[in-house]
Protein backbone atom coordinates (compact mmCIF):
# COMPACT_ATOMS: atom_id res chain seq x y z
CA MET A 1 101.31 140.59 90.73
CA GLU A 2 100.62 138.01 93.43
CA LYS A 3 98.14 135.25 92.59
CA GLN A 4 94.88 135.39 94.49
CA CYS A 5 93.32 132.19 95.82
CA ILE A 6 89.77 131.74 94.53
CA LYS A 7 88.77 129.58 97.49
CA PRO A 8 90.63 130.94 100.53
CA MET A 9 89.91 127.87 102.67
CA HIS A 10 91.56 125.59 100.10
CA CYS A 11 94.65 127.84 100.02
CA PHE A 12 94.74 127.88 103.81
CA SER A 13 94.49 124.06 103.92
CA PHE A 14 97.27 123.73 101.35
CA LEU A 15 99.45 126.14 103.32
CA ILE A 16 98.92 124.18 106.54
CA ILE A 17 99.79 120.88 104.82
CA PHE A 18 102.79 122.44 103.05
CA ARG A 19 104.16 123.98 106.24
CA TYR A 20 103.56 120.78 108.20
CA ASN A 21 105.20 118.58 105.57
CA ARG A 22 108.11 121.02 105.21
CA LYS A 23 108.64 121.04 108.98
CA MET A 24 108.51 117.25 109.11
CA SER A 25 110.88 116.74 106.17
CA ALA A 26 113.49 118.97 107.76
CA SER A 27 114.13 116.44 110.52
CA GLN A 28 112.74 113.10 109.36
CA SER A 29 110.94 111.24 106.62
CA ASN A 30 107.99 112.91 104.97
CA PRO A 31 105.23 110.30 104.83
CA PHE A 32 102.16 110.53 102.66
CA ILE A 33 99.37 111.22 105.16
CA LEU A 34 95.79 110.47 104.16
CA GLY A 35 92.61 110.33 106.20
CA PHE A 36 89.45 108.32 105.66
CA TYR A 37 86.03 109.05 107.12
CA GLY A 38 82.47 107.80 106.87
CA HIS A 39 79.64 106.40 108.95
CA SER A 40 80.19 103.26 111.01
CA GLY A 41 79.91 100.11 108.90
CA VAL A 42 80.61 101.84 105.56
CA GLY A 43 83.88 99.93 105.04
CA LYS A 44 86.67 102.27 106.21
CA THR A 45 88.59 99.58 108.07
CA TYR A 46 88.13 97.08 105.22
CA LEU A 47 89.42 99.58 102.65
CA ILE A 48 92.39 100.75 104.72
CA ARG A 49 93.30 97.15 105.58
CA HIS A 50 93.50 96.26 101.88
CA ILE A 51 95.55 99.36 101.05
CA VAL A 52 97.95 98.56 103.90
CA SER A 53 98.23 94.93 102.77
CA ARG A 54 99.20 95.95 99.23
CA LEU A 55 101.66 98.61 100.37
CA THR A 56 103.42 96.38 102.90
CA ALA A 57 103.68 93.64 100.27
CA GLU A 58 105.67 96.24 98.30
CA LYS A 59 107.95 96.77 101.34
CA GLN A 60 106.43 100.15 102.22
CA HIS A 61 106.37 101.22 105.88
CA VAL A 62 102.84 102.04 107.02
CA ALA A 63 101.25 103.33 110.20
CA VAL A 64 97.51 103.55 110.84
CA VAL A 65 95.83 105.81 113.37
CA LYS A 66 92.27 104.99 114.43
CA ILE A 67 90.32 107.99 115.75
CA SER A 68 87.11 107.35 117.70
CA ASN A 69 84.52 109.80 118.93
CA GLN A 70 83.65 107.40 121.74
CA SER A 71 85.26 107.09 125.15
CA ILE A 72 87.01 103.72 124.81
CA ASN A 73 89.85 102.24 126.86
CA LEU A 74 91.93 99.37 125.51
CA ASP A 75 93.37 98.57 128.93
CA THR A 76 91.72 95.84 131.02
CA GLU A 77 90.49 96.69 134.49
CA GLY A 78 92.38 94.77 137.17
CA LYS A 79 95.46 94.02 135.04
CA ASP A 80 98.87 95.38 136.04
CA THR A 81 98.94 97.98 133.24
CA TYR A 82 95.53 99.28 134.35
CA LEU A 83 96.66 99.45 137.97
CA TYR A 84 99.78 101.45 137.03
CA GLY A 85 97.59 103.97 135.22
CA GLN A 86 95.21 104.14 138.16
CA ALA A 87 98.20 104.83 140.41
CA GLY A 88 99.04 107.89 138.29
CA ALA A 89 101.48 106.75 135.61
CA GLU A 90 101.13 109.02 132.56
CA THR A 91 102.42 106.31 130.23
CA VAL A 92 102.32 102.56 130.72
CA VAL A 93 104.17 100.24 128.34
CA PHE A 94 103.30 96.58 127.97
CA SER A 95 105.85 94.49 126.11
CA SER A 96 105.55 90.82 125.26
CA THR A 97 107.42 88.46 122.94
CA ASN A 98 105.33 89.58 119.94
CA GLU A 99 104.37 93.25 120.45
CA THR A 100 104.79 96.39 122.51
CA THR A 101 101.88 98.62 123.45
CA PHE A 102 102.20 102.17 124.72
CA LEU A 103 99.22 103.35 126.76
CA LEU A 104 99.20 107.13 127.18
CA LYS A 105 96.74 108.15 129.84
CA LYS A 106 95.57 111.26 127.95
CA ALA A 107 94.01 112.15 124.62
CA LEU A 108 96.26 113.56 121.89
CA SER A 109 95.46 115.50 118.73
CA THR A 110 96.10 113.70 115.46
CA ARG A 111 99.05 116.03 114.82
CA GLN A 112 100.57 115.04 118.19
CA ILE A 113 100.04 111.36 117.36
CA VAL A 114 101.73 111.74 113.95
CA ASP A 115 104.63 113.62 115.54
CA ARG A 116 105.11 110.82 118.08
CA LEU A 117 104.93 108.16 115.37
CA LEU A 118 107.66 109.94 113.44
CA GLN A 119 109.84 110.17 116.53
CA GLN A 120 109.66 106.37 116.84
CA SER A 121 110.19 105.33 113.25
CA SER A 122 110.16 106.32 109.59
CA TYR A 123 106.98 105.71 107.59
CA ASP A 124 106.15 105.97 103.91
CA PHE A 125 102.42 106.23 104.59
CA ILE A 126 100.29 107.20 107.57
CA PHE A 127 96.56 106.58 107.28
CA VAL A 128 94.06 108.10 109.70
CA GLU A 129 90.71 106.37 110.05
CA GLY A 130 88.11 108.81 111.32
CA ALA A 131 90.17 111.87 110.33
CA LEU A 132 88.66 115.12 111.59
CA GLU A 133 91.43 117.72 111.62
CA GLU A 134 91.50 120.13 108.70
CA TRP A 135 95.19 119.74 107.89
CA ILE A 136 94.72 116.07 106.91
CA PRO A 137 93.76 115.42 103.27
CA LYS A 138 90.85 112.98 103.30
CA ILE A 139 88.82 110.44 101.36
CA ARG A 140 85.11 110.30 102.19
CA LEU A 141 83.25 106.97 102.19
CA GLY A 142 79.47 107.08 101.84
CA ASP A 143 77.06 109.98 102.20
CA ILE A 144 78.41 111.54 105.40
CA ASP A 145 78.69 115.35 105.53
CA LEU A 146 81.74 116.68 103.70
CA ARG A 147 84.70 117.55 105.94
CA PRO A 148 87.33 120.21 105.21
CA ASN A 149 90.18 119.11 102.95
CA THR A 150 88.26 116.19 101.41
CA LEU A 151 90.02 115.22 98.19
CA SER A 152 87.29 112.91 96.89
CA THR A 153 84.52 110.48 97.72
CA TYR A 154 85.45 106.81 97.30
CA ASP A 155 83.46 105.35 94.40
CA GLY A 156 84.23 101.68 95.06
CA ASN A 157 87.07 101.45 92.53
CA PHE A 158 89.85 100.10 94.73
CA GLU A 159 92.49 99.84 92.02
CA ASP A 160 91.98 103.45 90.95
CA LEU A 161 92.23 104.71 94.54
CA TYR A 162 95.28 102.55 95.22
CA GLN A 163 97.10 103.84 92.14
CA LYS A 164 96.31 107.45 93.10
CA ILE A 165 97.73 106.83 96.56
CA ARG A 166 100.88 105.30 95.06
CA GLN A 167 101.26 108.16 92.55
CA ASN A 168 100.88 110.79 95.25
CA LYS A 169 103.56 109.02 97.24
CA LEU A 170 105.92 108.70 94.30
CA GLU A 171 105.58 112.24 92.91
């Protein structure tokens, strides 16, 4: 007899994550992906920054995706990169002696962003600040409305959260 899922939405979310992670592992590394969400000023960036700092000190490879619900451009009007975009370039790359920035002149879903990250490099962890999409397991900060696939609400215990993240990665 086949097991029935008591909460169909949870089973659906698990299936999406399982299929996504299985697809990703077939061709590349399978990073631990975790989202964070909460109202502005609640400490998402602060928390993620400290998690990233600890993980990179342990030689882990980490990527962070920042999702905003505002219309923001990082390019500077009048600069060459801006002018190339205005001329119609779909992607503009700025490279200097210390970093390279890819400016895609269109919005992407979080899944598309993760796929592109994994085409560039191999990551142990990918964190998504402002995670909205259902397939991403999430940690809620503060009293914001619960989003689908929320694993827990952060209670302020950094060490406990950090160890859970490490254990999920290592299992």
